[in-house]
Amino acid sequence: MARKPAPGSGKTKPAAPQQQQPPTKGAKSAACATGSFTDQQLAPYLLPNPPPSDLNECQIVYHPASDRRLVLVVAKDKATLDALLLRASIFYENPDLQNLYLDPTQFATAQAERGKPFAYYGHNFPLASLAKFLMAASNAGGARGLTAGETHLARTLTTKLKALSSSGRSGPTVPTLADSYLVGWVNGDTPTLQHELHHAWYHFNAGEYRAACDAALASLDQVVRLQVRAYLRGCGYCEAVWADEFQAHLCCGDAMVLGTKRGLNDPMAPARTALEQHKEEHGAGMWFGDLGALAQGEIY
């Protein structure tokens, strides 16, 4: 799952627009797809539209240790990152909107109905899901089904990286490598990069590592385990991904947001040590490398 603000974590969050009220009598009517919201009410929820210079400034490259299986997207700011990846993330993992294509206006309406925008610091998903999103957009509106940011991403992945392939204008878009994956973050945001790389590590290391994550979660004291599950549930994660989210938060040192304090009596210390040891034994050093340099887009 993409890295989202933790419930009650105290971390700085992007300012959310105030909850929108239904239009007053005589207000301008919106299109049918926007329900009871006017264009003015939807405006704060529309996807960012960064200039081409900001899109061109993004780095979209392969992770140097991934054998062309992990795509890294480094954006200059959150608005640009959202323009590139937000709709694809919601399509991939939102429990209410999963695999449902929404055009930009419908997407804004979905946020307005929540009374707040979808807030993501980083993104992670298989390229197979992105390909599915791109096909849904194409079927819905052709080239107009994608925003400028999404078009830039798709073009780069198809023509430059060759990570996606298509059999023609009407043919299916598919990943070149079936298990390829993508993570994205804002330039310089090392904690988010670390979190997203843990999801990629989990994705590519099915079997032993996933079993170790299940065992680490099961090894916690019952009270602590219930606190962890309550936190993950509060983030909106379905139970199927709890082990993945647990290992990402745990290995990134997010003990505080999981309801515990890291220190001599940290009840999560044995679980954290077990996962760190497993990663070290299986070559994670090459995978995570110099996180600070990687977060700054210094990718070679």
C-alpha atoms as a PDB file:
ATOM      1  CA  MET A   1       0.000   0.000   0.000  1.00  0.00           C
ATOM      2  CA  ALA A   2       1.056   3.547  -0.590  1.00  0.00           C
ATOM      3  CA  ARG A   3       2.361   5.490   2.397  1.00  0.00           C
ATOM      4  CA  LYS A   4      -0.495   7.469   3.891  1.00  0.00           C
ATOM      5  CA  PRO A   5      -0.733   9.709   6.965  1.00  0.00           C
ATOM      6  CA  ALA A   6      -1.059   7.679  10.147  1.00  0.00           C
ATOM      7  CA  PRO A   7      -4.202   8.164  12.229  1.00  0.00           C
ATOM      8  CA  GLY A   8      -3.255  10.501  15.052  1.00  0.00           C
ATOM      9  CA  SER A   9       0.434  10.261  14.204  1.00  0.00           C
ATOM     10  CA  GLY A  10       1.098  13.955  14.644  1.00  0.00           C
ATOM     11  CA  LYS A  11       2.921  14.096  11.322  1.00  0.00           C
ATOM     12  CA  THR A  12       2.472  17.132   9.153  1.00  0.00           C
ATOM     13  CA  LYS A  13      -0.244  16.592   6.583  1.00  0.00           C
ATOM     14  CA  PRO A  14      -1.161  18.559   3.492  1.00  0.00           C
ATOM     15  CA  ALA A  15      -3.937  20.992   4.322  1.00  0.00           C
ATOM     16  CA  ALA A  16      -7.313  19.492   3.491  1.00  0.00           C
ATOM     17  CA  PRO A  17     -10.082  21.605   2.051  1.00  0.00           C
ATOM     18  CA  GLN A  18     -13.015  22.169   4.360  1.00  0.00           C
ATOM     19  CA  GLN A  19     -15.867  19.733   3.951  1.00  0.00           C
ATOM     20  CA  GLN A  20     -17.993  20.870   1.066  1.00  0.00           C
ATOM     21  CA  GLN A  21     -21.684  21.685   1.568  1.00  0.00           C
ATOM     22  CA  PRO A  22     -24.457  20.981  -0.928  1.00  0.00           C
ATOM     23  CA  PRO A  23     -25.142  23.884  -3.271  1.00  0.00           C
ATOM     24  CA  THR A  24     -27.556  26.511  -2.070  1.00  0.00           C
ATOM     25  CA  LYS A  25     -30.785  27.230  -3.848  1.00  0.00           C
ATOM     26  CA  GLY A  26     -30.136  28.818  -7.197  1.00  0.00           C
ATOM     27  CA  ALA A  27     -26.514  27.636  -7.387  1.00  0.00           C
ATOM     28  CA  LYS A  28     -25.130  26.618 -10.738  1.00  0.00           C
ATOM     29  CA  SER A  29     -25.919  22.974 -11.541  1.00  0.00           C
ATOM     30  CA  ALA A  30     -23.019  20.590 -12.165  1.00  0.00           C
ATOM     31  CA  ALA A  31     -22.837  17.846 -14.749  1.00  0.00           C
ATOM     32  CA  CYS A  32     -24.615  14.603 -13.939  1.00  0.00           C
ATOM     33  CA  ALA A  33     -21.333  12.860 -13.016  1.00  0.00           C
ATOM     34  CA  THR A  34     -20.629  15.453 -10.325  1.00  0.00           C
ATOM     35  CA  GLY A  35     -23.821  14.741  -8.385  1.00  0.00           C
ATOM     36  CA  SER A  36     -24.839  17.703  -6.211  1.00  0.00           C
ATOM     37  CA  PHE A  37     -21.478  19.508  -6.379  1.00  0.00           C
ATOM     38  CA  THR A  38     -20.893  22.634  -8.428  1.00  0.00           C
ATOM     39  CA  ASP A  39     -17.730  23.292 -10.408  1.00  0.00           C
ATOM     40  CA  GLN A  40     -16.653  25.713  -7.689  1.00  0.00           C
ATOM     41  CA  GLN A  41     -17.080  23.085  -4.992  1.00  0.00           C
ATOM     42  CA  LEU A  42     -15.120  20.508  -6.994  1.00  0.00           C
ATOM     43  CA  ALA A  43     -12.243  22.859  -7.805  1.00  0.00           C
ATOM     44  CA  PRO A  44     -10.181  22.081  -4.651  1.00  0.00           C
ATOM     45  CA  TYR A  45     -10.335  18.371  -5.469  1.00  0.00           C
ATOM     46  CA  LEU A  46      -9.277  18.448  -9.095  1.00  0.00           C
ATOM     47  CA  LEU A  47      -5.989  16.739  -9.915  1.00  0.00           C
ATOM     48  CA  PRO A  48      -2.972  19.052 -10.174  1.00  0.00           C
ATOM     49  CA  ASN A  49      -1.965  20.058 -13.687  1.00  0.00           C
ATOM     50  CA  PRO A  50       1.787  20.782 -13.464  1.00  0.00           C
ATOM     51  CA  PRO A  51       3.522  22.468 -16.403  1.00  0.00           C
ATOM     52  CA  PRO A  52       5.501  20.292 -18.836  1.00  0.00           C
ATOM     53  CA  SER A  53       8.760  21.561 -17.318  1.00  0.00           C
ATOM     54  CA  ASP A  54       7.836  20.004 -13.943  1.00  0.00           C
ATOM     55  CA  LEU A  55       6.918  16.704 -15.585  1.00  0.00           C
ATOM     56  CA  ASN A  56      10.160  16.663 -17.567  1.00  0.00           C
ATOM     57  CA  GLU A  57      12.066  17.315 -14.362  1.00  0.00           C
ATOM     58  CA  CYS A  58      10.777  14.052 -12.875  1.00  0.00           C
ATOM     59  CA  GLN A  59      13.086  11.077 -12.879  1.00  0.00           C
ATOM     60  CA  ILE A  60      11.476   7.865 -14.119  1.00  0.00           C
ATOM     61  CA  VAL A  61      14.169   5.199 -14.114  1.00  0.00           C
ATOM     62  CA  TYR A  62      14.921   1.637 -13.097  1.00  0.00           C
ATOM     63  CA  HIS A  63      16.301   0.802  -9.680  1.00  0.00           C
ATOM     64  CA  PRO A  64      19.970  -0.038 -10.406  1.00  0.00           C
ATOM     65  CA  ALA A  65      19.839  -3.333  -8.463  1.00  0.00           C
ATOM     66  CA  SER A  66      16.445  -4.520  -9.702  1.00  0.00           C
ATOM     67  CA  ASP A  67      17.298  -6.099 -13.065  1.00  0.00           C
ATOM     68  CA  ARG A  68      14.838  -3.709 -14.780  1.00  0.00           C
ATOM     69  CA  ARG A  69      11.976  -4.924 -12.603  1.00  0.00           C
ATOM     70  CA  LEU A  70      11.477  -1.929 -10.291  1.00  0.00           C
ATOM     71  CA  VAL A  71      10.609   1.502 -11.686  1.00  0.00           C
ATOM     72  CA  LEU A  72      11.441   4.553  -9.568  1.00  0.00           C
ATOM     73  CA  VAL A  73       9.447   7.770 -10.012  1.00  0.00           C
ATOM     74  CA  VAL A  74      11.006  10.817  -8.327  1.00  0.00           C
ATOM     75  CA  ALA A  75       8.852  13.963  -8.508  1.00  0.00           C
ATOM     76  CA  LYS A  76       9.901  17.517  -7.612  1.00  0.00           C
ATOM     77  CA  ASP A  77       6.873  18.076  -5.350  1.00  0.00           C
ATOM     78  CA  LYS A  78       3.701  16.409  -4.124  1.00  0.00           C
ATOM     79  CA  ALA A  79       1.470  18.082  -6.706  1.00  0.00           C
ATOM     80  CA  THR A  80       3.536  16.609  -9.525  1.00  0.00           C
ATOM     81  CA  LEU A  81       3.606  13.216  -7.831  1.00  0.00           C
ATOM     82  CA  ASP A  82      -0.188  13.251  -7.508  1.00  0.00           C
ATOM     83  CA  ALA A  83      -0.559  14.231 -11.162  1.00  0.00           C
ATOM     84  CA  LEU A  84       1.492  11.194 -12.152  1.00  0.00           C
ATOM     85  CA  LEU A  85       0.322   8.489  -9.770  1.00  0.00           C
ATOM     86  CA  LEU A  86      -2.645   9.319  -7.532  1.00  0.00           C
ATOM     87  CA  ARG A  87      -5.458   8.014  -9.733  1.00  0.00           C
ATOM     88  CA  ALA A  88      -3.502   4.833 -10.486  1.00  0.00           C
ATOM     89  CA  SER A  89      -2.949   4.238  -6.750  1.00  0.00           C
ATOM     90  CA  ILE A  90      -6.638   4.652  -5.944  1.00  0.00           C
ATOM     91  CA  PHE A  91      -7.517   2.330  -8.832  1.00  0.00           C
ATOM     92  CA  TYR A  92      -5.096  -0.243  -7.411  1.00  0.00           C
ATOM     93  CA  GLU A  93      -5.848  -0.288  -3.694  1.00  0.00           C
ATOM     94  CA  ASN A  94      -8.791   1.803  -2.519  1.00  0.00           C
ATOM     95  CA  PRO A  95     -11.316  -0.634  -1.007  1.00  0.00           C
ATOM     96  CA  ASP A  96     -14.285   1.280  -2.419  1.00  0.00           C
ATOM     97  CA  LEU A  97     -12.870   2.303  -5.811  1.00  0.00           C
ATOM     98  CA  GLN A  98     -10.528  -0.574  -6.630  1.00  0.00           C
ATOM     99  CA  ASN A  99     -10.454  -1.388 -10.379  1.00  0.00           C
ATOM    100  CA  LEU A 100     -13.042   1.331 -11.011  1.00  0.00           C
ATOM    101  CA  TYR A 101     -12.034   3.935 -13.590  1.00  0.00           C
ATOM    102  CA  LEU A 102     -13.124   7.480 -12.740  1.00  0.00           C
ATOM    103  CA  ASP A 103     -12.587  10.360 -15.114  1.00  0.00           C
ATOM    104  CA  PRO A 104     -11.005  13.491 -13.567  1.00  0.00           C
ATOM    105  CA  THR A 105     -14.367  15.040 -12.683  1.00  0.00           C
ATOM    106  CA  GLN A 106     -15.682  11.815 -11.170  1.00  0.00           C
ATOM    107  CA  PHE A 107     -12.417  11.464  -9.266  1.00  0.00           C
ATOM    108  CA  ALA A 108     -12.831  14.961  -7.820  1.00  0.00           C
ATOM    109  CA  THR A 109     -16.429  14.123  -6.906  1.00  0.00           C
ATOM    110  CA  ALA A 110     -15.325  10.993  -5.041  1.00  0.00           C
ATOM    111  CA  GLN A 111     -13.025  13.138  -2.907  1.00  0.00           C
ATOM    112  CA  ALA A 112     -15.658  15.823  -2.376  1.00  0.00           C
ATOM    113  CA  GLU A 113     -18.064  13.178  -1.116  1.00  0.00           C
ATOM    114  CA  ARG A 114     -15.421  12.157   1.438  1.00  0.00           C
ATOM    115  CA  GLY A 115     -14.974  15.781   2.456  1.00  0.00           C
ATOM    116  CA  LYS A 116     -11.200  15.538   2.069  1.00  0.00           C
ATOM    117  CA  PRO A 117      -8.689  14.632  -0.654  1.00  0.00           C
ATOM    118  CA  PHE A 118      -6.884  11.324  -0.973  1.00  0.00           C
ATOM    119  CA  ALA A 119      -3.604  12.043   0.839  1.00  0.00           C
ATOM    120  CA  TYR A 120      -0.573   9.989  -0.205  1.00  0.00           C
ATOM    121  CA  TYR A 121       3.080  10.732   0.532  1.00  0.00           C
ATOM    122  CA  GLY A 122       4.302   7.947  -1.743  1.00  0.00           C
ATOM    123  CA  HIS A 123       3.014   5.298  -4.117  1.00  0.00           C
ATOM    124  CA  ASN A 124       3.615   1.644  -4.851  1.00  0.00           C
ATOM    125  CA  PHE A 125       1.869  -0.838  -7.119  1.00  0.00           C
ATOM    126  CA  PRO A 126       2.584  -3.571  -9.678  1.00  0.00           C
ATOM    127  CA  LEU A 127       2.941  -2.381 -13.258  1.00  0.00           C
ATOM    128  CA  ALA A 128       0.250  -4.912 -14.129  1.00  0.00           C
ATOM    129  CA  SER A 129      -2.229  -2.756 -12.187  1.00  0.00           C
ATOM    130  CA  LEU A 130      -0.984   0.412 -13.896  1.00  0.00           C
ATOM    131  CA  ALA A 131      -1.419  -1.258 -17.284  1.00  0.00           C
ATOM    132  CA  LYS A 132      -4.971  -2.177 -16.314  1.00  0.00           C
ATOM    133  CA  PHE A 133      -5.659   1.425 -15.310  1.00  0.00           C
ATOM    134  CA  LEU A 134      -4.252   2.749 -18.591  1.00  0.00           C
ATOM    135  CA  MET A 135      -6.441   0.359 -20.574  1.00  0.00           C
ATOM    136  CA  ALA A 136      -9.528   1.379 -18.582  1.00  0.00           C
ATOM    137  CA  ALA A 137      -8.740   5.043 -19.274  1.00  0.00           C
ATOM    138  CA  SER A 138      -8.245   4.335 -22.965  1.00  0.00           C
ATOM    139  CA  ASN A 139     -11.522   2.446 -23.208  1.00  0.00           C
ATOM    140  CA  ALA A 140     -13.337   5.270 -21.417  1.00  0.00           C
ATOM    141  CA  GLY A 141     -12.008   8.228 -23.343  1.00  0.00           C
ATOM    142  CA  GLY A 142      -9.055   7.398 -25.562  1.00  0.00           C
ATOM    143  CA  ALA A 143      -6.222   9.883 -25.162  1.00  0.00           C
ATOM    144  CA  ARG A 144      -8.583  12.172 -23.253  1.00  0.00           C
ATOM    145  CA  GLY A 145      -8.978   9.510 -20.566  1.00  0.00           C
ATOM    146  CA  LEU A 146      -5.554  10.400 -19.153  1.00  0.00           C
ATOM    147  CA  THR A 147      -4.288  13.601 -17.609  1.00  0.00           C
ATOM    148  CA  ALA A 148      -1.111  15.247 -18.899  1.00  0.00           C
ATOM    149  CA  GLY A 149       0.843  13.756 -15.992  1.00  0.00           C
ATOM    150  CA  GLU A 150      -0.453  10.248 -16.607  1.00  0.00           C
ATOM    151  CA  THR A 151       0.232  10.588 -20.328  1.00  0.00           C
ATOM    152  CA  HIS A 152       3.809  11.621 -19.564  1.00  0.00           C
ATOM    153  CA  LEU A 153       4.244   8.597 -17.278  1.00  0.00           C
ATOM    154  CA  ALA A 154       2.765   6.153 -19.780  1.00  0.00           C
ATOM    155  CA  ARG A 155       4.854   7.549 -22.650  1.00  0.00           C
ATOM    156  CA  THR A 156       8.059   7.327 -20.615  1.00  0.00           C
ATOM    157  CA  LEU A 157       7.367   3.764 -19.484  1.00  0.00           C
ATOM    158  CA  THR A 158       6.486   2.671 -23.006  1.00  0.00           C
ATOM    159  CA  THR A 159       8.993   4.457 -25.222  1.00  0.00           C
ATOM    160  CA  LYS A 160      11.964   5.174 -22.978  1.00  0.00           C
ATOM    161  CA  LEU A 161      12.088   2.414 -20.367  1.00  0.00           C
ATOM    162  CA  LYS A 162      10.216  -0.209 -22.405  1.00  0.00           C
ATOM    163  CA  ALA A 163       8.600  -1.278 -19.129  1.00  0.00           C
ATOM    164  CA  LEU A 164       5.174  -1.356 -20.783  1.00  0.00           C
ATOM    165  CA  SER A 165       4.335  -2.639 -24.228  1.00  0.00           C
ATOM    166  CA  SER A 166       1.296  -2.321 -26.434  1.00  0.00           C
ATOM    167  CA  SER A 167       0.209  -4.183 -29.527  1.00  0.00           C
ATOM    168  CA  GLY A 168      -1.215  -1.077 -31.137  1.00  0.00           C
ATOM    169  CA  ARG A 169      -3.600   1.778 -30.566  1.00  0.00           C
ATOM    170  CA  SER A 170      -6.437  -0.589 -29.643  1.00  0.00           C
ATOM    171  CA  GLY A 171      -4.298  -3.435 -28.323  1.00  0.00           C
ATOM    172  CA  PRO A 172      -3.767  -4.273 -24.668  1.00  0.00           C
ATOM    173  CA  THR A 173      -1.089  -2.536 -22.618  1.00  0.00           C
ATOM    174  CA  VAL A 174       0.929  -5.018 -20.561  1.00  0.00           C
ATOM    175  CA  PRO A 175       4.123  -4.977 -18.487  1.00  0.00           C
ATOM    176  CA  THR A 176       7.193  -6.144 -20.353  1.00  0.00           C
ATOM    177  CA  LEU A 177       8.105  -8.197 -17.271  1.00  0.00           C
ATOM    178  CA  ALA A 178       5.081  -9.714 -15.548  1.00  0.00           C
ATOM    179  CA  ASP A 179       6.238  -9.085 -11.968  1.00  0.00           C
ATOM    180  CA  SER A 180       7.564  -5.534 -12.456  1.00  0.00           C
ATOM    181  CA  TYR A 181       6.714  -2.934  -9.830  1.00  0.00           C
ATOM    182  CA  LEU A 182       6.711   0.845  -9.372  1.00  0.00           C
ATOM    183  CA  VAL A 183       7.358   3.117  -6.407  1.00  0.00           C
ATOM    184  CA  GLY A 184       7.157   6.916  -6.346  1.00  0.00           C
ATOM    185  CA  TRP A 185       8.054   9.675  -3.901  1.00  0.00           C
ATOM    186  CA  VAL A 186       8.904  13.372  -3.689  1.00  0.00           C
ATOM    187  CA  ASN A 187      12.577  14.249  -4.183  1.00  0.00           C
ATOM    188  CA  GLY A 188      14.360  14.262  -0.825  1.00  0.00           C
ATOM    189  CA  ASP A 189      11.693  12.387   1.152  1.00  0.00           C
ATOM    190  CA  THR A 190      13.913   9.599   2.484  1.00  0.00           C
ATOM    191  CA  PRO A 191      11.405   8.115   4.999  1.00  0.00           C
ATOM    192  CA  THR A 192       8.779   7.638   2.301  1.00  0.00           C
ATOM    193  CA  LEU A 193      11.303   6.115  -0.109  1.00  0.00           C
ATOM    194  CA  GLN A 194      12.402   3.666   2.592  1.00  0.00           C
ATOM    195  CA  HIS A 195       8.782   2.724   3.271  1.00  0.00           C
ATOM    196  CA  GLU A 196       7.961   2.189  -0.415  1.00  0.00           C
ATOM    197  CA  LEU A 197      11.117   0.129  -1.027  1.00  0.00           C
ATOM    198  CA  HIS A 198      10.033  -2.210   1.740  1.00  0.00           C
ATOM    199  CA  HIS A 199       6.791  -2.816  -0.133  1.00  0.00           C
ATOM    200  CA  ALA A 200       8.774  -3.568  -3.273  1.00  0.00           C
ATOM    201  CA  TRP A 201      11.057  -5.906  -1.315  1.00  0.00           C
ATOM    202  CA  TYR A 202       7.969  -7.704   0.001  1.00  0.00           C
ATOM    203  CA  HIS A 203       6.555  -7.923  -3.536  1.00  0.00           C
ATOM    204  CA  PHE A 204       9.676  -9.475  -5.021  1.00  0.00           C
ATOM    205  CA  ASN A 205      10.453 -11.824  -2.140  1.00  0.00           C
ATOM    206  CA  ALA A 206       7.432 -14.062  -1.965  1.00  0.00           C
ATOM    207  CA  GLY A 207       7.828 -17.146   0.174  1.00  0.00           C
ATOM    208  CA  GLU A 208      10.410 -16.978   2.951  1.00  0.00           C
ATOM    209  CA  TYR A 209      10.260 -13.239   3.640  1.00  0.00           C
ATOM    210  CA  ARG A 210       6.474 -13.118   3.596  1.00  0.00           C
ATOM    211  CA  ALA A 211       6.401 -16.087   5.980  1.00  0.00           C
ATOM    212  CA  ALA A 212       8.868 -14.225   8.215  1.00  0.00           C
ATOM    213  CA  CYS A 213       6.563 -11.173   8.207  1.00  0.00           C
ATOM    214  CA  ASP A 214       3.566 -13.307   9.161  1.00  0.00           C
ATOM    215  CA  ALA A 215       5.605 -14.887  11.943  1.00  0.00           C
ATOM    216  CA  ALA A 216       6.837 -11.493  13.175  1.00  0.00           C
ATOM    217  CA  LEU A 217       3.285 -10.166  13.439  1.00  0.00           C
ATOM    218  CA  ALA A 218       2.084 -13.346  15.151  1.00  0.00           C
ATOM    219  CA  SER A 219       4.985 -13.215  17.629  1.00  0.00           C
ATOM    220  CA  LEU A 220       3.820  -9.958  19.222  1.00  0.00           C
ATOM    221  CA  ASP A 221       2.179  -9.886  22.612  1.00  0.00           C
ATOM    222  CA  GLN A 222      -1.575 -10.139  22.140  1.00  0.00           C
ATOM    223  CA  VAL A 223      -2.275  -6.605  23.395  1.00  0.00           C
ATOM    224  CA  VAL A 224       0.419  -5.094  21.154  1.00  0.00           C
ATOM    225  CA  ARG A 225      -0.795  -7.143  18.190  1.00  0.00           C
ATOM    226  CA  LEU A 226      -4.313  -5.793  18.696  1.00  0.00           C
ATOM    227  CA  GLN A 227      -2.915  -2.245  18.775  1.00  0.00           C
ATOM    228  CA  VAL A 228      -1.053  -2.879  15.528  1.00  0.00           C
ATOM    229  CA  ARG A 229      -4.140  -4.268  13.837  1.00  0.00           C
ATOM    230  CA  ALA A 230      -6.257  -1.359  15.049  1.00  0.00           C
ATOM    231  CA  TYR A 231      -3.715   1.075  13.593  1.00  0.00           C
ATOM    232  CA  LEU A 232      -3.614  -0.708  10.235  1.00  0.00           C
ATOM    233  CA  ARG A 233      -7.393  -0.911  10.142  1.00  0.00           C
ATOM    234  CA  GLY A 234      -7.555   2.802  10.924  1.00  0.00           C
ATOM    235  CA  CYS A 235      -5.342   3.518   7.917  1.00  0.00           C
ATOM    236  CA  GLY A 236      -7.946   1.851   5.700  1.00  0.00           C
ATOM    237  CA  TYR A 237      -5.916  -1.254   4.888  1.00  0.00           C
ATOM    238  CA  CYS A 238      -7.709  -4.527   4.320  1.00  0.00           C
ATOM    239  CA  GLU A 239      -6.549  -7.524   6.357  1.00  0.00           C
ATOM    240  CA  ALA A 240      -4.945  -9.133   3.317  1.00  0.00           C
ATOM    241  CA  VAL A 241      -2.120  -6.556   3.363  1.00  0.00           C
ATOM    242  CA  TRP A 242      -1.609  -6.209   7.111  1.00  0.00           C
ATOM    243  CA  ALA A 243       1.588  -8.268   7.149  1.00  0.00           C
ATOM    244  CA  ASP A 244       3.045  -6.184   4.293  1.00  0.00           C
ATOM    245  CA  GLU A 245       2.131  -2.888   5.942  1.00  0.00           C
ATOM    246  CA  PHE A 246       3.339  -4.108   9.338  1.00  0.00           C
ATOM    247  CA  GLN A 247       6.789  -4.992   8.021  1.00  0.00           C
ATOM    248  CA  ALA A 248       7.137  -1.672   6.183  1.00  0.00           C
ATOM    249  CA  HIS A 249       6.219   0.382   9.250  1.00  0.00           C
ATOM    250  CA  LEU A 250       8.259  -1.801  11.592  1.00  0.00           C
ATOM    251  CA  CYS A 251      11.452  -1.840   9.517  1.00  0.00           C
ATOM    252  CA  CYS A 252      11.222   1.911   8.956  1.00  0.00           C
ATOM    253  CA  GLY A 253      11.190   2.552  12.698  1.00  0.00           C
ATOM    254  CA  ASP A 254       7.558   3.658  12.882  1.00  0.00           C
ATOM    255  CA  ALA A 255       7.096   2.054  16.299  1.00  0.00           C
ATOM    256  CA  MET A 256       5.483   5.199  17.698  1.00  0.00           C
ATOM    257  CA  VAL A 257       2.618   5.237  15.218  1.00  0.00           C
ATOM    258  CA  LEU A 258       2.016   1.573  15.981  1.00  0.00           C
ATOM    259  CA  GLY A 259       1.300   2.436  19.594  1.00  0.00           C
ATOM    260  CA  THR A 260       4.637   1.503  21.177  1.00  0.00           C
ATOM    261  CA  LYS A 261       7.818   3.295  22.175  1.00  0.00           C
ATOM    262  CA  ARG A 262      11.134   2.192  20.750  1.00  0.00           C
ATOM    263  CA  GLY A 263      13.727   1.567  23.481  1.00  0.00           C
ATOM    264  CA  LEU A 264      15.070  -0.983  25.925  1.00  0.00           C
ATOM    265  CA  ASN A 265      11.607  -2.385  26.642  1.00  0.00           C
ATOM    266  CA  ASP A 266      10.264  -2.137  23.098  1.00  0.00           C
ATOM    267  CA  PRO A 267       7.952  -5.165  22.688  1.00  0.00           C
ATOM    268  CA  MET A 268       8.522  -5.049  18.931  1.00  0.00           C
ATOM    269  CA  ALA A 269      12.311  -5.300  19.143  1.00  0.00           C
ATOM    270  CA  PRO A 270      12.484  -9.100  18.591  1.00  0.00           C
ATOM    271  CA  ALA A 271      10.185  -8.902  15.554  1.00  0.00           C
ATOM    272  CA  ARG A 272      12.189  -5.998  14.077  1.00  0.00           C
ATOM    273  CA  THR A 273      15.489  -7.809  14.662  1.00  0.00           C
ATOM    274  CA  ALA A 274      14.192 -10.980  13.007  1.00  0.00           C
ATOM    275  CA  LEU A 275      13.127  -9.126   9.851  1.00  0.00           C
ATOM    276  CA  GLU A 276      16.315  -7.075   9.646  1.00  0.00           C
ATOM    277  CA  GLN A 277      18.374 -10.244   9.965  1.00  0.00           C
ATOM    278  CA  HIS A 278      16.323 -11.960   7.261  1.00  0.00           C
ATOM    279  CA  LYS A 279      16.825  -9.019   4.886  1.00  0.00           C
ATOM    280  CA  GLU A 280      20.556  -8.930   5.546  1.00  0.00           C
ATOM    281  CA  GLU A 281      20.881 -12.645   4.840  1.00  0.00           C
ATOM    282  CA  HIS A 282      19.061 -12.249   1.529  1.00  0.00           C
ATOM    283  CA  GLY A 283      20.963  -9.332  -0.006  1.00  0.00           C
ATOM    284  CA  ALA A 284      18.861  -6.353   1.004  1.00  0.00           C
ATOM    285  CA  GLY A 285      21.966  -4.184   1.288  1.00  0.00           C
ATOM    286  CA  MET A 286      22.209  -3.890  -2.502  1.00  0.00           C
ATOM    287  CA  TRP A 287      18.480  -3.201  -2.701  1.00  0.00           C
ATOM    288  CA  PHE A 288      18.260  -0.333  -0.215  1.00  0.00           C
ATOM    289  CA  GLY A 289      21.789   1.018  -0.772  1.00  0.00           C
ATOM    290  CA  ASP A 290      22.390   4.693   0.029  1.00  0.00           C
ATOM    291  CA  LEU A 291      18.829   5.774   0.805  1.00  0.00           C
ATOM    292  CA  GLY A 292      19.760   9.436   1.187  1.00  0.00           C
ATOM    293  CA  ALA A 293      21.321   9.662  -2.256  1.00  0.00           C
ATOM    294  CA  LEU A 294      18.529   7.586  -3.806  1.00  0.00           C
ATOM    295  CA  ALA A 295      15.867   9.804  -2.239  1.00  0.00           C
ATOM    296  CA  GLN A 296      17.542  12.837  -3.818  1.00  0.00           C
ATOM    297  CA  GLY A 297      17.306  11.213  -7.244  1.00  0.00           C
ATOM    298  CA  GLU A 298      21.004  10.299  -7.417  1.00  0.00           C
ATOM    299  CA  ILE A 299      20.382   7.089  -9.329  1.00  0.00           C
ATOM    300  CA  TYR A 300      23.156   5.483 -11.333  1.00  0.00           C
END
